């Protein structure tokens, strides 16, 4: 059987020092790669600013129509299965 040892949620001084060093190292690495420090511009980067959105386009107004068509097909399929199960 395992022995449960109560651990305090408080960080020790060594853990705090290591965490601070890792944060500094992360910021330095980010600056080397051309990145920015967290909150250096004072604003949150929006998804529209991301490179992965290049070459994409916004959803058109027809998306609602396609959603209705999809729901209608699901309803028709459900009714077909229900009617078929009633005949047996």
PDB file of N, CA and C in Angstrom:
ATOM      1  N   UNK A   1       0.833  -1.183   0.000  1.00  0.00           N
ATOM      2  CA  UNK A   1       0.000   0.000   0.000  1.00  0.00           C
ATOM      3  C   UNK A   1       0.877   1.246   0.000  1.00  0.00           C
ATOM      4  N   UNK A   2       0.353   2.277  -0.605  1.00  0.00           N
ATOM      5  CA  UNK A   2       1.112   3.521  -0.690  1.00  0.00           C
ATOM      6  C   UNK A   2       0.927   4.326   0.579  1.00  0.00           C
ATOM      7  N   UNK A   3       1.961   5.012   0.951  1.00  0.00           N
ATOM      8  CA  UNK A   3       1.927   5.864   2.123  1.00  0.00           C
ATOM      9  C   UNK A   3       1.712   7.299   1.664  1.00  0.00           C
ATOM     10  N   UNK A   4       0.653   7.907   2.135  1.00  0.00           N
ATOM     11  CA  UNK A   4       0.341   9.289   1.747  1.00  0.00           C
ATOM     12  C   UNK A   4       1.144  10.221   2.639  1.00  0.00           C
ATOM     13  N   UNK A   5       1.926  11.064   1.993  1.00  0.00           N
ATOM     14  CA  UNK A   5       2.720  12.043   2.721  1.00  0.00           C
ATOM     15  C   UNK A   5       2.163  13.411   2.401  1.00  0.00           C
ATOM     16  N   UNK A   6       1.820  14.149   3.425  1.00  0.00           N
ATOM     17  CA  UNK A   6       1.264  15.480   3.212  1.00  0.00           C
ATOM     18  C   UNK A   6       2.383  16.409   2.765  1.00  0.00           C
ATOM     19  N   UNK A   7       2.125  17.083   1.647  1.00  0.00           N
ATOM     20  CA  UNK A   7       3.094  18.035   1.136  1.00  0.00           C
ATOM     21  C   UNK A   7       2.467  19.416   1.163  1.00  0.00           C
ATOM     22  N   UNK A   8       3.242  20.361   1.590  1.00  0.00           N
ATOM     23  CA  UNK A   8       2.772  21.742   1.599  1.00  0.00           C
ATOM     24  C   UNK A   8       2.777  22.279   0.177  1.00  0.00           C
ATOM     25  N   UNK A   9       1.812  23.134  -0.129  1.00  0.00           N
ATOM     26  CA  UNK A   9       1.746  23.745  -1.444  1.00  0.00           C
ATOM     27  C   UNK A   9       2.723  24.911  -1.569  1.00  0.00           C
ATOM     28  N   UNK A  10       3.343  25.261  -0.500  1.00  0.00           N
ATOM     29  CA  UNK A  10       4.272  26.386  -0.518  1.00  0.00           C
ATOM     30  C   UNK A  10       5.578  25.978  -1.194  1.00  0.00           C
ATOM     31  N   UNK A  11       6.112  26.882  -1.984  1.00  0.00           N
ATOM     32  CA  UNK A  11       7.393  26.622  -2.640  1.00  0.00           C
ATOM     33  C   UNK A  11       8.537  26.960  -1.686  1.00  0.00           C
ATOM     34  N   UNK A  12       9.570  26.191  -1.807  1.00  0.00           N
ATOM     35  CA  UNK A  12      10.752  26.490  -1.009  1.00  0.00           C
ATOM     36  C   UNK A  12      11.535  27.604  -1.696  1.00  0.00           C
ATOM     37  N   UNK A  13      12.528  28.117  -1.010  1.00  0.00           N
ATOM     38  CA  UNK A  13      13.346  29.182  -1.588  1.00  0.00           C
ATOM     39  C   UNK A  13      14.080  28.670  -2.826  1.00  0.00           C
ATOM     40  N   UNK A  14      14.543  27.431  -2.798  1.00  0.00           N
ATOM     41  CA  UNK A  14      15.239  26.859  -3.944  1.00  0.00           C
ATOM     42  C   UNK A  14      14.301  26.756  -5.148  1.00  0.00           C
ATOM     43  N   UNK A  15      13.067  26.320  -4.913  1.00  0.00           N
ATOM     44  CA  UNK A  15      12.098  26.221  -6.007  1.00  0.00           C
ATOM     45  C   UNK A  15      11.799  27.595  -6.594  1.00  0.00           C
ATOM     46  N   UNK A  16      11.676  28.608  -5.748  1.00  0.00           N
ATOM     47  CA  UNK A  16      11.431  29.964  -6.229  1.00  0.00           C
ATOM     48  C   UNK A  16      12.604  30.463  -7.057  1.00  0.00           C
ATOM     49  N   UNK A  17      13.829  30.178  -6.596  1.00  0.00           N
ATOM     50  CA  UNK A  17      15.020  30.619  -7.316  1.00  0.00           C
ATOM     51  C   UNK A  17      15.105  29.943  -8.682  1.00  0.00           C
ATOM     52  N   UNK A  18      14.837  28.639  -8.729  1.00  0.00           N
ATOM     53  CA  UNK A  18      14.876  27.903  -9.992  1.00  0.00           C
ATOM     54  C   UNK A  18      13.803  28.419 -10.944  1.00  0.00           C
ATOM     55  N   UNK A  19      12.616  28.685 -10.442  1.00  0.00           N
ATOM     56  CA  UNK A  19      11.532  29.195 -11.283  1.00  0.00           C
ATOM     57  C   UNK A  19      11.891  30.563 -11.853  1.00  0.00           C
ATOM     58  N   UNK A  20      12.491  31.422 -11.052  1.00  0.00           N
ATOM     59  CA  UNK A  20      12.886  32.745 -11.526  1.00  0.00           C
ATOM     60  C   UNK A  20      13.970  32.629 -12.596  1.00  0.00           C
ATOM     61  N   UNK A  21      14.935  31.735 -12.402  1.00  0.00           N
ATOM     62  CA  UNK A  21      15.989  31.541 -13.401  1.00  0.00           C
ATOM     63  C   UNK A  21      15.417  31.011 -14.709  1.00  0.00           C
ATOM     64  N   UNK A  22      14.470  30.093 -14.623  1.00  0.00           N
ATOM     65  CA  UNK A  22      13.856  29.550 -15.837  1.00  0.00           C
ATOM     66  C   UNK A  22      13.061  30.615 -16.586  1.00  0.00           C
ATOM     67  N   UNK A  23      12.382  31.495 -15.843  1.00  0.00           N
ATOM     68  CA  UNK A  23      11.655  32.584 -16.492  1.00  0.00           C
ATOM     69  C   UNK A  23      12.615  33.517 -17.224  1.00  0.00           C
ATOM     70  N   UNK A  24      13.720  33.857 -16.569  1.00  0.00           N
ATOM     71  CA  UNK A  24      14.712  34.725 -17.208  1.00  0.00           C
ATOM     72  C   UNK A  24      15.291  34.070 -18.456  1.00  0.00           C
ATOM     73  N   UNK A  25      15.596  32.789 -18.359  1.00  0.00           N
ATOM     74  CA  UNK A  25      16.156  32.063 -19.499  1.00  0.00           C
ATOM     75  C   UNK A  25      15.158  32.026 -20.655  1.00  0.00           C
ATOM     76  N   UNK A  26      13.884  31.826 -20.338  1.00  0.00           N
ATOM     77  CA  UNK A  26      12.846  31.796 -21.368  1.00  0.00           C
ATOM     78  C   UNK A  26      12.742  33.149 -22.067  1.00  0.00           C
ATOM     79  N   UNK A  27      12.794  34.232 -21.322  1.00  0.00           N
ATOM     80  CA  UNK A  27      12.717  35.566 -21.907  1.00  0.00           C
ATOM     81  C   UNK A  27      13.930  35.826 -22.789  1.00  0.00           C
ATOM     82  N   UNK A  28      15.115  35.439 -22.337  1.00  0.00           N
ATOM     83  CA  UNK A  28      16.325  35.629 -23.139  1.00  0.00           C
ATOM     84  C   UNK A  28      16.251  34.831 -24.434  1.00  0.00           C
ATOM     85  N   UNK A  29      15.781  33.585 -24.367  1.00  0.00           N
ATOM     86  CA  UNK A  29      15.662  32.758 -25.566  1.00  0.00           C
ATOM     87  C   UNK A  29      14.635  33.349 -26.528  1.00  0.00           C
ATOM     88  N   UNK A  30      13.575  33.895 -25.976  1.00  0.00           N
ATOM     89  CA  UNK A  30      12.541  34.501 -26.805  1.00  0.00           C
ATOM     90  C   UNK A  30      13.091  35.718 -27.535  1.00  0.00           C
ATOM     91  N   UNK A  31      13.911  36.508 -26.858  1.00  0.00           N
ATOM     92  CA  UNK A  31      14.492  37.692 -27.482  1.00  0.00           C
ATOM     93  C   UNK A  31      15.505  37.315 -28.556  1.00  0.00           C
ATOM     94  N   UNK A  32      16.238  36.227 -28.361  1.00  0.00           N
ATOM     95  CA  UNK A  32      17.201  35.771 -29.354  1.00  0.00           C
ATOM     96  C   UNK A  32      16.499  35.342 -30.637  1.00  0.00           C
ATOM     97  N   UNK A  33      15.316  34.760 -30.506  1.00  0.00           N
ATOM     98  CA  UNK A  33      14.570  34.264 -31.657  1.00  0.00           C
ATOM     99  C   UNK A  33      13.738  35.363 -32.313  1.00  0.00           C
ATOM    100  N   UNK A  34      13.876  36.577 -31.866  1.00  0.00           N
ATOM    101  CA  UNK A  34      13.116  37.678 -32.450  1.00  0.00           C
ATOM    102  C   UNK A  34      11.759  37.863 -31.810  1.00  0.00           C
ATOM    103  N   UNK A  35      11.517  37.185 -30.733  1.00  0.00           N
ATOM    104  CA  UNK A  35      10.233  37.311 -30.046  1.00  0.00           C
ATOM    105  C   UNK A  35      10.204  38.527 -29.150  1.00  0.00           C
ATOM    106  N   UNK A  36       9.168  38.649 -28.410  1.00  0.00           N
ATOM    107  CA  UNK A  36       9.018  39.763 -27.498  1.00  0.00           C
ATOM    108  C   UNK A  36       8.796  39.231 -26.108  1.00  0.00           C
ATOM    109  N   UNK A  37       9.142  40.027 -25.139  1.00  0.00           N
ATOM    110  CA  UNK A  37       8.889  39.624 -23.771  1.00  0.00           C
ATOM    111  C   UNK A  37       7.393  39.677 -23.517  1.00  0.00           C
ATOM    112  N   UNK A  38       6.917  38.888 -22.600  1.00  0.00           N
ATOM    113  CA  UNK A  38       5.472  38.919 -22.314  1.00  0.00           C
ATOM    114  C   UNK A  38       5.030  40.328 -21.915  1.00  0.00           C
ATOM    115  N   UNK A  39       3.968  40.776 -22.526  1.00  0.00           N
ATOM    116  CA  UNK A  39       3.377  42.083 -22.246  1.00  0.00           C
ATOM    117  C   UNK A  39       4.321  43.245 -22.527  1.00  0.00           C
ATOM    118  N   UNK A  40       5.311  43.053 -23.403  1.00  0.00           N
ATOM    119  CA  UNK A  40       6.243  44.140 -23.673  1.00  0.00           C
ATOM    120  C   UNK A  40       5.561  45.284 -24.415  1.00  0.00           C
ATOM    121  N   UNK A  41       4.541  44.984 -25.209  1.00  0.00           N
ATOM    122  CA  UNK A  41       3.808  46.036 -25.911  1.00  0.00           C
ATOM    123  C   UNK A  41       2.605  46.506 -25.103  1.00  0.00           C
ATOM    124  N   UNK A  42       2.313  45.807 -24.036  1.00  0.00           N
ATOM    125  CA  UNK A  42       1.194  46.198 -23.205  1.00  0.00           C
ATOM    126  C   UNK A  42      -0.150  45.722 -23.714  1.00  0.00           C
ATOM    127  N   UNK A  43      -0.143  44.825 -24.712  1.00  0.00           N
ATOM    128  CA  UNK A  43      -1.416  44.312 -25.200  1.00  0.00           C
ATOM    129  C   UNK A  43      -1.291  42.819 -25.459  1.00  0.00           C
ATOM    130  N   UNK A  44      -2.409  42.165 -25.514  1.00  0.00           N
ATOM    131  CA  UNK A  44      -2.447  40.735 -25.781  1.00  0.00           C
ATOM    132  C   UNK A  44      -2.471  40.532 -27.283  1.00  0.00           C
ATOM    133  N   UNK A  45      -1.670  39.585 -27.760  1.00  0.00           N
ATOM    134  CA  UNK A  45      -1.632  39.307 -29.193  1.00  0.00           C
ATOM    135  C   UNK A  45      -2.935  38.615 -29.582  1.00  0.00           C
ATOM    136  N   UNK A  46      -3.612  39.179 -30.563  1.00  0.00           N
ATOM    137  CA  UNK A  46      -4.873  38.631 -31.024  1.00  0.00           C
ATOM    138  C   UNK A  46      -4.631  37.544 -32.058  1.00  0.00           C
ATOM    139  N   UNK A  47      -5.537  36.574 -32.209  1.00  0.00           N
ATOM    140  CA  UNK A  47      -5.361  35.525 -33.207  1.00  0.00           C
ATOM    141  C   UNK A  47      -5.247  36.057 -34.626  1.00  0.00           C
ATOM    142  N   UNK A  48      -5.817  37.237 -34.902  1.00  0.00           N
ATOM    143  CA  UNK A  48      -5.728  37.806 -36.239  1.00  0.00           C
ATOM    144  C   UNK A  48      -4.291  38.158 -36.600  1.00  0.00           C
ATOM    145  N   UNK A  49      -3.439  38.335 -35.587  1.00  0.00           N
ATOM    146  CA  UNK A  49      -2.054  38.699 -35.827  1.00  0.00           C
ATOM    147  C   UNK A  49      -1.178  37.488 -36.141  1.00  0.00           C
ATOM    148  N   UNK A  50      -1.705  36.286 -35.979  1.00  0.00           N
ATOM    149  CA  UNK A  50      -0.894  35.086 -36.106  1.00  0.00           C
ATOM    150  C   UNK A  50      -0.642  34.730 -37.557  1.00  0.00           C
ATOM    151  N   UNK A  51       0.502  34.121 -37.793  1.00  0.00           N
ATOM    152  CA  UNK A  51       0.907  33.753 -39.156  1.00  0.00           C
ATOM    153  C   UNK A  51       0.092  32.572 -39.686  1.00  0.00           C
ATOM    154  N   UNK A  52      -0.464  31.759 -38.813  1.00  0.00           N
ATOM    155  CA  UNK A  52      -1.198  30.589 -39.296  1.00  0.00           C
ATOM    156  C   UNK A  52      -2.497  30.967 -40.001  1.00  0.00           C
ATOM    157  N   UNK A  53      -2.922  32.212 -39.883  1.00  0.00           N
ATOM    158  CA  UNK A  53      -4.149  32.646 -40.546  1.00  0.00           C
ATOM    159  C   UNK A  53      -3.905  33.159 -41.962  1.00  0.00           C
ATOM    160  N   UNK A  54      -2.628  33.209 -42.373  1.00  0.00           N
ATOM    161  CA  UNK A  54      -2.333  33.685 -43.719  1.00  0.00           C
ATOM    162  C   UNK A  54      -2.904  32.722 -44.744  1.00  0.00           C
ATOM    163  N   UNK A  55      -3.538  33.256 -45.788  1.00  0.00           N
ATOM    164  CA  UNK A  55      -4.106  32.424 -46.845  1.00  0.00           C
ATOM    165  C   UNK A  55      -5.475  31.862 -46.519  1.00  0.00           C
ATOM    166  N   UNK A  56      -6.064  32.274 -45.406  1.00  0.00           N
ATOM    167  CA  UNK A  56      -7.412  31.811 -45.071  1.00  0.00           C
ATOM    168  C   UNK A  56      -8.397  32.944 -45.324  1.00  0.00           C
ATOM    169  N   UNK A  57      -9.668  32.617 -45.321  1.00  0.00           N
ATOM    170  CA  UNK A  57     -10.680  33.646 -45.515  1.00  0.00           C
ATOM    171  C   UNK A  57     -11.772  33.483 -44.468  1.00  0.00           C
ATOM    172  N   UNK A  58     -12.535  34.524 -44.265  1.00  0.00           N
ATOM    173  CA  UNK A  58     -13.596  34.508 -43.270  1.00  0.00           C
ATOM    174  C   UNK A  58     -14.779  33.685 -43.770  1.00  0.00           C
ATOM    175  N   UNK A  59     -15.569  33.201 -42.838  1.00  0.00           N
ATOM    176  CA  UNK A  59     -16.764  32.452 -43.175  1.00  0.00           C
ATOM    177  C   UNK A  59     -17.784  33.387 -43.818  1.00  0.00           C
ATOM    178  N   UNK A  60     -18.404  32.919 -44.889  1.00  0.00           N
ATOM    179  CA  UNK A  60     -19.388  33.748 -45.582  1.00  0.00           C
ATOM    180  C   UNK A  60     -20.753  33.606 -44.924  1.00  0.00           C
ATOM    181  N   UNK A  61     -21.718  34.350 -45.440  1.00  0.00           N
ATOM    182  CA  UNK A  61     -23.079  34.291 -44.928  1.00  0.00           C
ATOM    183  C   UNK A  61     -23.777  32.979 -45.263  1.00  0.00           C
ATOM    184  N   UNK A  62     -23.215  32.212 -46.203  1.00  0.00           N
ATOM    185  CA  UNK A  62     -23.822  30.934 -46.566  1.00  0.00           C
ATOM    186  C   UNK A  62     -23.584  29.842 -45.535  1.00  0.00           C
ATOM    187  N   UNK A  63     -22.754  30.103 -44.563  1.00  0.00           N
ATOM    188  CA  UNK A  63     -22.472  29.104 -43.531  1.00  0.00           C
ATOM    189  C   UNK A  63     -23.753  28.727 -42.793  1.00  0.00           C
ATOM    190  N   UNK A  64     -24.612  29.702 -42.537  1.00  0.00           N
ATOM    191  CA  UNK A  64     -25.871  29.431 -41.846  1.00  0.00           C
ATOM    192  C   UNK A  64     -26.758  28.524 -42.698  1.00  0.00           C
ATOM    193  N   UNK A  65     -26.789  28.742 -44.003  1.00  0.00           N
ATOM    194  CA  UNK A  65     -27.585  27.909 -44.908  1.00  0.00           C
ATOM    195  C   UNK A  65     -27.054  26.476 -44.899  1.00  0.00           C
ATOM    196  N   UNK A  66     -25.714  26.329 -44.966  1.00  0.00           N
ATOM    197  CA  UNK A  66     -25.126  24.984 -44.927  1.00  0.00           C
ATOM    198  C   UNK A  66     -25.438  24.288 -43.610  1.00  0.00           C
ATOM    199  N   UNK A  67     -25.457  25.028 -42.521  1.00  0.00           N
ATOM    200  CA  UNK A  67     -25.814  24.453 -41.226  1.00  0.00           C
ATOM    201  C   UNK A  67     -27.257  23.952 -41.239  1.00  0.00           C
ATOM    202  N   UNK A  68     -28.168  24.749 -41.805  1.00  0.00           N
ATOM    203  CA  UNK A  68     -29.568  24.328 -41.894  1.00  0.00           C
ATOM    204  C   UNK A  68     -29.726  23.086 -42.764  1.00  0.00           C
ATOM    205  N   UNK A  69     -28.983  23.025 -43.884  1.00  0.00           N
ATOM    206  CA  UNK A  69     -29.034  21.847 -44.760  1.00  0.00           C
ATOM    207  C   UNK A  69     -28.541  20.619 -44.006  1.00  0.00           C
ATOM    208  N   UNK A  70     -27.453  20.762 -43.283  1.00  0.00           N
ATOM    209  CA  UNK A  70     -26.899  19.648 -42.509  1.00  0.00           C
ATOM    210  C   UNK A  70     -27.890  19.160 -41.459  1.00  0.00           C
ATOM    211  N   UNK A  71     -28.512  20.078 -40.743  1.00  0.00           N
ATOM    212  CA  UNK A  71     -29.502  19.707 -39.725  1.00  0.00           C
ATOM    213  C   UNK A  71     -30.698  19.023 -40.379  1.00  0.00           C
ATOM    214  N   UNK A  72     -31.150  19.527 -41.531  1.00  0.00           N
ATOM    215  CA  UNK A  72     -32.283  18.914 -42.229  1.00  0.00           C
ATOM    216  C   UNK A  72     -31.951  17.485 -42.660  1.00  0.00           C
ATOM    217  N   UNK A  73     -30.737  17.256 -43.137  1.00  0.00           N
ATOM    218  CA  UNK A  73     -30.326  15.898 -43.531  1.00  0.00           C
ATOM    219  C   UNK A  73     -30.309  14.986 -42.313  1.00  0.00           C
ATOM    220  N   UNK A  74     -29.809  15.476 -41.190  1.00  0.00           N
ATOM    221  CA  UNK A  74     -29.798  14.659 -39.968  1.00  0.00           C
ATOM    222  C   UNK A  74     -31.212  14.322 -39.513  1.00  0.00           C
ATOM    223  N   UNK A  75     -32.120  15.290 -39.574  1.00  0.00           N
ATOM    224  CA  UNK A  75     -33.508  15.051 -39.181  1.00  0.00           C
ATOM    225  C   UNK A  75     -34.152  14.034 -40.120  1.00  0.00           C
ATOM    226  N   UNK A  76     -33.912  14.185 -41.435  1.00  0.00           N
ATOM    227  CA  UNK A  76     -34.484  13.245 -42.404  1.00  0.00           C
ATOM    228  C   UNK A  76     -33.941  11.842 -42.176  1.00  0.00           C
ATOM    229  N   UNK A  77     -32.670  11.724 -41.901  1.00  0.00           N
ATOM    230  CA  UNK A  77     -32.075  10.413 -41.624  1.00  0.00           C
ATOM    231  C   UNK A  77     -32.662   9.809 -40.354  1.00  0.00           C
ATOM    232  N   UNK A  78     -32.827  10.628 -39.335  1.00  0.00           N
ATOM    233  CA  UNK A  78     -33.422  10.149 -38.086  1.00  0.00           C
ATOM    234  C   UNK A  78     -34.855   9.683 -38.290  1.00  0.00           C
ATOM    235  N   UNK A  79     -35.638  10.452 -39.035  1.00  0.00           N
ATOM    236  CA  UNK A  79     -37.020  10.049 -39.314  1.00  0.00           C
ATOM    237  C   UNK A  79     -37.068   8.754 -40.131  1.00  0.00           C
ATOM    238  N   UNK A  80     -36.164   8.612 -41.096  1.00  0.00           N
ATOM    239  CA  UNK A  80     -36.125   7.397 -41.913  1.00  0.00           C
ATOM    240  C   UNK A  80     -35.838   6.179 -41.039  1.00  0.00           C
ATOM    241  N   UNK A  81     -34.870   6.302 -40.148  1.00  0.00           N
ATOM    242  CA  UNK A  81     -34.542   5.181 -39.255  1.00  0.00           C
ATOM    243  C   UNK A  81     -35.700   4.898 -38.320  1.00  0.00           C
ATOM    244  N   UNK A  82     -36.352   5.939 -37.812  1.00  0.00           N
ATOM    245  CA  UNK A  82     -37.471   5.739 -36.881  1.00  0.00           C
ATOM    246  C   UNK A  82     -38.646   5.055 -37.583  1.00  0.00           C
ATOM    247  N   UNK A  83     -38.965   5.503 -38.795  1.00  0.00           N
ATOM    248  CA  UNK A  83     -40.088   4.895 -39.536  1.00  0.00           C
ATOM    249  C   UNK A  83     -39.743   3.455 -39.898  1.00  0.00           C
ATOM    250  N   UNK A  84     -38.510   3.202 -40.294  1.00  0.00           N
ATOM    251  CA  UNK A  84     -38.098   1.850 -40.647  1.00  0.00           C
ATOM    252  C   UNK A  84     -38.156   0.926 -39.435  1.00  0.00           C
ATOM    253  N   UNK A  85     -37.846   1.443 -38.255  1.00  0.00           N
ATOM    254  CA  UNK A  85     -37.889   0.595 -37.064  1.00  0.00           C
ATOM    255  C   UNK A  85     -39.328   0.322 -36.631  1.00  0.00           C
ATOM    256  N   UNK A  86     -40.280   1.192 -36.991  1.00  0.00           N
ATOM    257  CA  UNK A  86     -41.682   0.999 -36.629  1.00  0.00           C
ATOM    258  C   UNK A  86     -42.338  -0.075 -37.500  1.00  0.00           C
ATOM    259  N   UNK A  87     -41.821  -0.301 -38.709  1.00  0.00           N
ATOM    260  CA  UNK A  87     -42.402  -1.286 -39.622  1.00  0.00           C
ATOM    261  C   UNK A  87     -42.025  -2.713 -39.237  1.00  0.00           C
ATOM    262  N   UNK A  88     -41.011  -2.885 -38.472  1.00  0.00           N
ATOM    263  CA  UNK A  88     -40.550  -4.240 -38.142  1.00  0.00           C
ATOM    264  C   UNK A  88     -41.398  -4.871 -37.104  1.00  0.00           C
TER     265      UNK A  88
END
